[in-house]
Amino acid sequence: MTQAETAKRQAKESNTRKRIMSGMRPTGRLHIGHYLGVLTNWVQFQSDYESFFSIVDWHALTTKYMQTENIQQDVFEVALDWLSVGIDPEVATIYVQSGVPEIAELHLLLSMITKQNWVEREPTLKDMIRMLAQDEKEAQDRCTYGLIGYPVLMSADILAFKGELIPVGKDQESHLEFARDLARRFNSIYKVDYFPEPKPRFTETPLLKGVDGQKMGKSYGNDIKIADTEEDTKKQVKKMITDRTRIAKSDPGHTDLCEVPWPYYNIFAKASTEQVKDECESAKIGCVDCKMRLADHINDYFRPVRERRRELAEDPRRVMEILEAGNLKARETAKQTLSDVREIMGLTNWKRQ
């Protein structure tokens, strides 16, 4: 593709809405940290941007290549969570990564121009390897070619749709920097201005603590899932770390030292924070009663979401049809990007199905 042809295509695309792209690995049901950290942005932006949201099952294989028996069910669970919180398949494109093979070829082409030391220094990759392995030998066994290439595949996910705005959690920021570097390198090598540099967009609550005060995560057992029952939610909220300086119920509390429930109140029950602050700091209410009141607020907040999820779970064919339609739509966009990239790189564009 000549520079003139590239400019012509970009001029045409500039008249359309900007694109956003984001995705999640299918590792089971999502928790409320995913909801507040990412999904609220997706719901908010889906009508304003041309939106592509991917369930990235190839990424799941980078760490769970030996445990694949639940991947298909996990894809279904993630789709249920997305649809139940308000991702609208009539507005946004919801698809499964492995249903868009063009992403894999783009990943291959981008790997040809990726410097080896770029992937070796990627901080999130190092953290992932440390989490997977108990010692150096195990780390060598678990560190596969696919895992090392994780940042390149994530870049291909984004660049296949020429995503400009990427609504993600704060922990994915380094991956976006990698994608920006790769977009710049491609444009520089081939003297084009083809790929936009993707930029992150965080929610007002990019990080949410788990019930133990640490980062919320399914593997830590400190999370509250979007799909949890009301009773399960109460059990988890009851475990929340509160004000460690408050020994007895009759002792005045300190909301500024309340590690987990107080921030949650400011999210799920902001209208009642003044009352809670007064009752806590004057010892009118104990921590257990305060947490049970918070559990009620959380359950009230997610009750309609959970009801929608139950309805969707009873009609799995409908969910699969949504994903199949999304795969087809996503492929059309990714095919055009891949065709452009092949021409820019001087490759023959063979006719494809």
Protein backbone atom coordinates (compact mmCIF):
# COMPACT_ATOMS: atom_id res chain seq x y z
CA MET A 1 0.00 0.00 0.00
CA THR A 2 1.40 3.40 -0.97
CA GLN A 3 1.46 6.35 1.40
CA ALA A 4 -1.23 8.03 -0.72
CA GLU A 5 -3.50 4.99 -0.49
CA THR A 6 -2.94 4.78 3.24
CA ALA A 7 -3.79 8.47 3.66
CA LYS A 8 -6.95 8.00 1.62
CA ARG A 9 -8.09 5.11 3.81
CA GLN A 10 -7.31 7.03 7.00
CA ALA A 11 -9.28 10.03 5.76
CA LYS A 12 -12.25 7.75 5.23
CA GLU A 13 -11.90 6.25 8.70
CA SER A 14 -11.58 9.67 10.34
CA ASN A 15 -15.19 10.36 9.37
CA THR A 16 -16.38 7.45 11.50
CA ARG A 17 -16.58 7.14 15.26
CA LYS A 18 -13.38 6.42 17.11
CA ARG A 19 -12.86 2.83 18.16
CA ILE A 20 -12.36 1.35 21.59
CA MET A 21 -11.16 -2.18 22.19
CA SER A 22 -10.74 -4.13 25.38
CA GLY A 23 -10.86 -7.73 26.56
CA MET A 24 -10.78 -10.14 29.50
CA ARG A 25 -9.36 -13.61 29.97
CA PRO A 26 -11.96 -16.32 30.61
CA THR A 27 -10.89 -17.56 34.02
CA GLY A 28 -14.34 -17.92 35.57
CA ARG A 29 -17.02 -15.64 36.90
CA LEU A 30 -16.05 -11.99 37.25
CA HIS A 31 -16.00 -10.06 40.53
CA ILE A 32 -17.18 -6.59 41.43
CA GLY A 33 -13.65 -5.26 41.02
CA HIS A 34 -13.93 -6.10 37.31
CA TYR A 35 -17.29 -4.36 37.26
CA LEU A 36 -16.08 -1.12 38.86
CA GLY A 37 -12.59 -1.16 37.35
CA VAL A 38 -13.51 -1.90 33.75
CA LEU A 39 -17.10 -2.81 32.91
CA THR A 40 -18.68 0.46 34.02
CA ASN A 41 -16.49 2.22 31.46
CA TRP A 42 -17.47 -0.25 28.77
CA VAL A 43 -21.16 0.35 29.41
CA GLN A 44 -20.65 4.11 29.44
CA PHE A 45 -18.56 4.26 26.25
CA GLN A 46 -20.28 1.64 24.08
CA SER A 47 -22.74 4.12 22.57
CA ASP A 48 -20.19 6.89 22.00
CA TYR A 49 -17.52 4.79 20.29
CA GLU A 50 -17.36 1.89 17.88
CA SER A 51 -16.77 -0.74 20.55
CA PHE A 52 -15.07 -4.14 20.36
CA PHE A 53 -14.99 -6.31 23.49
CA SER A 54 -13.13 -9.62 23.35
CA ILE A 55 -13.12 -12.72 25.53
CA VAL A 56 -9.46 -13.55 25.03
CA ASP A 57 -9.32 -17.34 25.30
CA TRP A 58 -5.89 -17.66 23.63
CA HIS A 59 -4.50 -15.58 26.47
CA ALA A 60 -5.94 -18.09 28.93
CA LEU A 61 -3.77 -20.75 27.29
CA THR A 62 -0.58 -18.81 28.05
CA THR A 63 -0.86 -19.85 31.71
CA LYS A 64 -3.45 -22.67 31.66
CA TYR A 65 -2.39 -24.70 28.64
CA MET A 66 -2.51 -27.86 30.78
CA GLN A 67 -5.94 -27.09 32.23
CA THR A 68 -8.26 -26.42 29.32
CA GLU A 69 -11.30 -28.43 30.38
CA ASN A 70 -13.17 -25.36 31.69
CA ILE A 71 -12.27 -22.75 29.05
CA GLN A 72 -15.51 -23.05 27.05
CA GLN A 73 -17.65 -22.81 30.18
CA ASP A 74 -15.57 -19.88 31.42
CA VAL A 75 -16.13 -18.08 28.08
CA PHE A 76 -19.86 -18.55 28.64
CA GLU A 77 -19.65 -17.25 32.23
CA VAL A 78 -17.79 -14.10 31.17
CA ALA A 79 -20.33 -13.48 28.41
CA LEU A 80 -23.14 -13.78 30.97
CA ASP A 81 -21.45 -11.25 33.25
CA TRP A 82 -20.89 -8.77 30.42
CA LEU A 83 -24.44 -8.99 29.14
CA SER A 84 -25.97 -8.80 32.60
CA VAL A 85 -24.18 -5.55 33.53
CA GLY A 86 -25.36 -3.81 30.37
CA ILE A 87 -22.99 -4.53 27.48
CA ASP A 88 -25.43 -4.34 24.58
CA PRO A 89 -24.71 -6.66 21.60
CA GLU A 90 -26.87 -4.42 19.42
CA VAL A 91 -24.46 -1.55 20.11
CA ALA A 92 -21.08 -3.13 20.88
CA THR A 93 -19.34 -6.09 19.24
CA ILE A 94 -18.83 -8.93 21.72
CA TYR A 95 -16.63 -11.72 20.37
CA VAL A 96 -14.29 -14.55 21.29
CA GLN A 97 -10.63 -14.05 20.41
CA SER A 98 -10.16 -17.52 18.89
CA GLY A 99 -13.17 -16.87 16.66
CA VAL A 100 -11.16 -14.18 14.84
CA PRO A 101 -8.13 -15.99 13.32
CA GLU A 102 -6.92 -12.78 11.67
CA ILE A 103 -5.66 -11.71 15.11
CA ALA A 104 -3.31 -14.70 15.15
CA GLU A 105 -1.79 -13.78 11.79
CA LEU A 106 -1.39 -10.16 12.82
CA HIS A 107 0.33 -11.39 15.98
CA LEU A 108 2.76 -13.34 13.79
CA LEU A 109 3.50 -10.34 11.57
CA LEU A 110 3.98 -8.00 14.53
CA SER A 111 6.31 -10.51 16.18
CA MET A 112 8.66 -10.07 13.20
CA ILE A 113 9.34 -6.46 14.16
CA THR A 114 9.25 -6.83 17.97
CA LYS A 115 12.62 -6.54 19.68
CA GLN A 116 13.50 -9.46 21.94
CA ASN A 117 14.45 -7.26 24.87
CA TRP A 118 11.05 -5.56 24.74
CA VAL A 119 9.24 -8.73 25.79
CA GLU A 120 11.97 -9.76 28.23
CA ARG A 121 11.71 -6.52 30.21
CA GLU A 122 7.89 -6.42 30.31
CA PRO A 123 7.10 -6.06 34.06
CA THR A 124 3.68 -7.70 34.02
CA LEU A 125 5.15 -10.77 32.31
CA LYS A 126 7.77 -11.12 35.05
CA ASP A 127 5.10 -10.87 37.73
CA MET A 128 3.03 -13.53 35.97
CA ILE A 129 5.96 -15.96 35.85
CA ARG A 130 6.68 -15.39 39.56
CA MET A 131 3.07 -16.17 40.40
CA LEU A 132 3.08 -19.39 38.37
CA ALA A 133 6.30 -20.88 39.72
CA GLN A 134 7.61 -21.92 43.12
CA ASP A 135 11.25 -22.07 42.06
CA GLU A 136 13.55 -21.34 39.11
CA LYS A 137 13.21 -24.82 37.56
CA GLU A 138 9.43 -24.63 37.58
CA ALA A 139 9.62 -21.13 36.14
CA GLN A 140 11.65 -22.47 33.20
CA ASP A 141 9.10 -25.23 32.63
CA ARG A 142 6.10 -22.91 32.77
CA CYS A 143 7.64 -20.06 30.77
CA THR A 144 6.48 -20.99 27.27
CA TYR A 145 6.97 -19.24 23.95
CA GLY A 146 3.31 -18.25 24.09
CA LEU A 147 3.66 -16.69 27.53
CA ILE A 148 6.72 -14.69 26.49
CA GLY A 149 4.77 -13.44 23.47
CA TYR A 150 1.78 -12.42 25.58
CA PRO A 151 2.42 -8.65 25.14
CA VAL A 152 2.66 -9.04 21.35
CA LEU A 153 -0.61 -10.97 21.21
CA MET A 154 -2.29 -8.34 23.36
CA SER A 155 -0.98 -5.67 20.99
CA ALA A 156 -2.41 -7.62 18.06
CA ASP A 157 -5.77 -7.74 19.85
CA ILE A 158 -5.79 -3.95 20.02
CA LEU A 159 -4.19 -3.09 16.69
CA ALA A 160 -6.36 -5.52 14.71
CA PHE A 161 -9.21 -3.10 15.42
CA LYS A 162 -7.05 0.03 15.40
CA GLY A 163 -8.26 0.74 18.92
CA GLU A 164 -7.62 4.30 20.01
CA LEU A 165 -9.10 4.29 23.50
CA ILE A 166 -8.63 1.24 25.71
CA PRO A 167 -10.85 1.03 28.82
CA VAL A 168 -8.85 -1.25 31.13
CA GLY A 169 -7.88 -1.73 34.73
CA LYS A 170 -4.84 0.07 36.10
CA ASP A 171 -2.84 -3.19 36.15
CA GLN A 172 -2.88 -3.33 32.34
CA GLU A 173 -1.20 0.04 31.83
CA SER A 174 2.24 -1.43 31.02
CA HIS A 175 0.72 -3.63 28.30
CA LEU A 176 -0.73 -0.55 26.64
CA GLU A 177 2.67 1.12 26.67
CA PHE A 178 4.00 -1.96 24.86
CA ALA A 179 1.21 -1.70 22.26
CA ARG A 180 1.98 1.99 21.75
CA ASP A 181 5.67 1.23 21.22
CA LEU A 182 4.81 -1.48 18.72
CA ALA A 183 2.41 0.78 16.80
CA ARG A 184 5.10 3.49 16.61
CA ARG A 185 7.72 0.98 15.47
CA PHE A 186 5.48 -0.39 12.71
CA ASN A 187 4.66 3.11 11.47
CA SER A 188 8.32 4.11 11.59
CA ILE A 189 9.72 1.03 9.82
CA TYR A 190 7.23 1.18 6.95
CA LYS A 191 7.01 4.99 6.84
CA VAL A 192 3.25 5.10 7.26
CA ASP A 193 0.87 6.58 9.78
CA TYR A 194 -1.36 3.54 9.90
CA PHE A 195 -1.78 2.38 13.49
CA PRO A 196 -3.08 4.86 16.09
CA GLU A 197 -1.34 4.83 19.47
CA PRO A 198 -3.80 3.28 21.94
CA LYS A 199 -4.41 5.23 25.13
CA PRO A 200 -5.84 3.90 28.41
CA ARG A 201 -9.01 5.13 30.02
CA PHE A 202 -9.54 4.32 33.69
CA THR A 203 -12.73 4.46 35.75
CA GLU A 204 -13.16 6.54 38.90
CA THR A 205 -12.59 3.30 40.83
CA PRO A 206 -9.67 1.67 38.95
CA LEU A 207 -8.70 -0.55 41.90
CA LEU A 208 -10.97 -2.14 44.51
CA LYS A 209 -9.64 -3.87 47.61
CA GLY A 210 -10.64 -7.42 48.41
CA VAL A 211 -12.28 -8.27 51.72
CA ASP A 212 -8.83 -8.83 53.28
CA GLY A 213 -7.60 -5.38 52.31
CA GLN A 214 -5.37 -6.69 49.51
CA LYS A 215 -5.95 -6.43 45.77
CA MET A 216 -9.16 -8.21 44.86
CA GLY A 217 -8.59 -11.46 42.97
CA LYS A 218 -10.45 -14.71 42.36
CA SER A 219 -7.36 -16.77 43.14
CA TYR A 220 -7.06 -15.11 46.57
CA GLY A 221 -10.61 -15.93 47.64
CA ASN A 222 -11.07 -12.33 48.74
CA ASP A 223 -13.54 -11.28 46.07
CA ILE A 224 -17.29 -10.74 45.75
CA LYS A 225 -18.53 -12.04 42.42
CA ILE A 226 -21.10 -10.29 40.27
CA ALA A 227 -23.06 -13.56 40.20
CA ASP A 228 -22.82 -14.32 43.93
CA THR A 229 -26.00 -15.03 45.86
CA GLU A 230 -27.07 -12.51 48.47
CA GLU A 231 -26.07 -14.94 51.21
CA ASP A 232 -22.60 -15.45 49.70
CA THR A 233 -22.20 -11.69 49.48
CA LYS A 234 -23.03 -11.32 53.18
CA LYS A 235 -20.51 -14.02 54.10
CA GLN A 236 -17.76 -12.23 52.20
CA VAL A 237 -18.64 -8.77 53.53
CA LYS A 238 -18.58 -10.16 57.06
CA LYS A 239 -14.88 -11.02 56.53
CA MET A 240 -13.95 -7.43 55.63
CA ILE A 241 -11.04 -5.85 57.51
CA THR A 242 -12.26 -2.78 59.37
CA ASP A 243 -10.59 -0.38 61.84
CA ARG A 244 -7.78 -2.39 63.44
CA THR A 245 -7.52 0.08 66.34
CA ARG A 246 -11.11 -0.54 67.42
CA ILE A 247 -11.08 -3.38 69.95
CA ALA A 248 -14.50 -3.30 71.59
CA LYS A 249 -17.90 -2.39 70.16
CA SER A 250 -18.12 0.43 72.70
CA ASP A 251 -14.87 1.98 71.41
CA PRO A 252 -15.31 4.91 68.99
CA GLY A 253 -14.42 3.91 65.44
CA HIS A 254 -12.38 5.78 62.86
CA THR A 255 -13.77 5.74 59.34
CA ASP A 256 -10.45 7.01 57.96
CA LEU A 257 -8.84 3.83 59.35
CA CYS A 258 -11.58 1.49 58.18
CA GLU A 259 -9.69 -0.41 55.48
CA VAL A 260 -12.44 -2.01 53.38
CA PRO A 261 -16.06 -1.26 54.36
CA TRP A 262 -15.72 2.52 54.40
CA PRO A 263 -14.43 2.79 50.79
CA TYR A 264 -17.24 0.43 49.77
CA TYR A 265 -19.81 2.68 51.43
CA ASN A 266 -18.51 5.57 49.34
CA ILE A 267 -19.22 3.50 46.21
CA PHE A 268 -22.41 1.60 46.96
CA ALA A 269 -24.14 3.75 49.60
CA LYS A 270 -22.76 7.27 49.25
CA ALA A 271 -26.03 8.83 50.45
CA SER A 272 -25.68 7.15 53.83
CA THR A 273 -21.99 7.90 54.52
CA GLU A 274 -22.64 10.83 56.87
CA GLN A 275 -24.95 8.70 59.01
CA VAL A 276 -22.51 5.79 59.02
CA LYS A 277 -19.61 8.07 59.94
CA ASP A 278 -21.55 9.54 62.85
CA GLU A 279 -22.71 6.16 64.16
CA CYS A 280 -19.26 4.59 63.79
CA GLU A 281 -17.26 7.38 65.40
CA SER A 282 -19.71 7.75 68.30
CA ALA A 283 -19.83 3.96 68.85
CA LYS A 284 -23.56 3.79 68.13
CA ILE A 285 -22.96 0.85 65.79
CA GLY A 286 -20.45 -1.97 65.84
CA CYS A 287 -18.37 -3.15 62.91
CA VAL A 288 -20.37 -6.37 62.37
CA ASP A 289 -23.71 -4.53 62.18
CA CYS A 290 -22.12 -1.90 59.95
CA LYS A 291 -20.84 -4.57 57.57
CA MET A 292 -24.20 -6.33 57.40
CA ARG A 293 -25.82 -3.02 56.50
CA LEU A 294 -23.20 -2.62 53.77
CA ALA A 295 -23.96 -6.12 52.46
CA ASP A 296 -27.59 -5.11 52.06
CA HIS A 297 -26.54 -2.07 50.02
CA ILE A 298 -24.32 -4.21 47.77
CA ASN A 299 -27.09 -6.75 47.28
CA ASP A 300 -29.58 -4.00 46.45
CA TYR A 301 -27.14 -2.58 43.90
CA PHE A 302 -26.53 -5.88 42.10
CA ARG A 303 -30.01 -7.41 42.43
CA PRO A 304 -31.20 -6.36 38.94
CA VAL A 305 -27.88 -7.40 37.41
CA ARG A 306 -28.09 -10.83 39.02
CA GLU A 307 -31.69 -11.26 37.90
CA ARG A 308 -30.74 -10.50 34.27
CA ARG A 309 -27.87 -12.96 34.56
CA ARG A 310 -30.18 -15.74 35.76
CA GLU A 311 -32.51 -15.13 32.82
CA LEU A 312 -29.65 -15.26 30.32
CA ALA A 313 -28.21 -18.42 31.89
CA GLU A 314 -31.52 -20.16 31.21
CA ASP A 315 -31.16 -19.43 27.47
CA PRO A 316 -27.58 -20.48 26.58
CA ARG A 317 -28.37 -20.68 22.86
CA ARG A 318 -29.16 -16.98 22.83
CA VAL A 319 -25.80 -16.20 24.41
CA MET A 320 -23.94 -18.37 21.90
CA GLU A 321 -25.76 -16.70 18.99
CA ILE A 322 -24.65 -13.30 20.32
CA LEU A 323 -21.02 -14.48 20.38
CA GLU A 324 -21.24 -16.06 16.92
CA ALA A 325 -22.67 -12.87 15.43
CA GLY A 326 -19.97 -10.84 17.20
CA ASN A 327 -17.24 -13.10 15.82
CA LEU A 328 -18.45 -12.52 12.25
CA LYS A 329 -18.62 -8.76 12.71
CA ALA A 330 -15.20 -8.62 14.38
CA ARG A 331 -13.68 -10.69 11.56
CA GLU A 332 -14.81 -8.20 8.94
CA THR A 333 -12.93 -5.40 10.67
CA ALA A 334 -9.85 -7.50 11.45
CA LYS A 335 -9.71 -8.78 7.85
CA GLN A 336 -9.43 -5.23 6.54
CA THR A 337 -6.65 -4.38 8.98
CA LEU A 338 -4.77 -7.56 8.11
CA SER A 339 -5.15 -6.87 4.39
CA ASP A 340 -3.71 -3.38 4.88
CA VAL A 341 -0.82 -4.67 6.97
CA ARG A 342 0.07 -7.33 4.44
CA GLU A 343 0.21 -4.72 1.68
CA ILE A 344 2.23 -2.30 3.80
CA MET A 345 4.72 -5.07 4.60
CA GLY A 346 4.99 -6.06 0.94
CA LEU A 347 3.19 -9.40 1.20
CA THR A 348 0.78 -10.81 -1.34
CA ASN A 349 -2.86 -10.54 -0.33
CA TRP A 350 -4.18 -14.01 -1.16
CA LYS A 351 -7.93 -14.38 -1.49
CA ARG A 352 -9.34 -15.51 1.83
CA GLN A 353 -12.62 -16.96 3.00
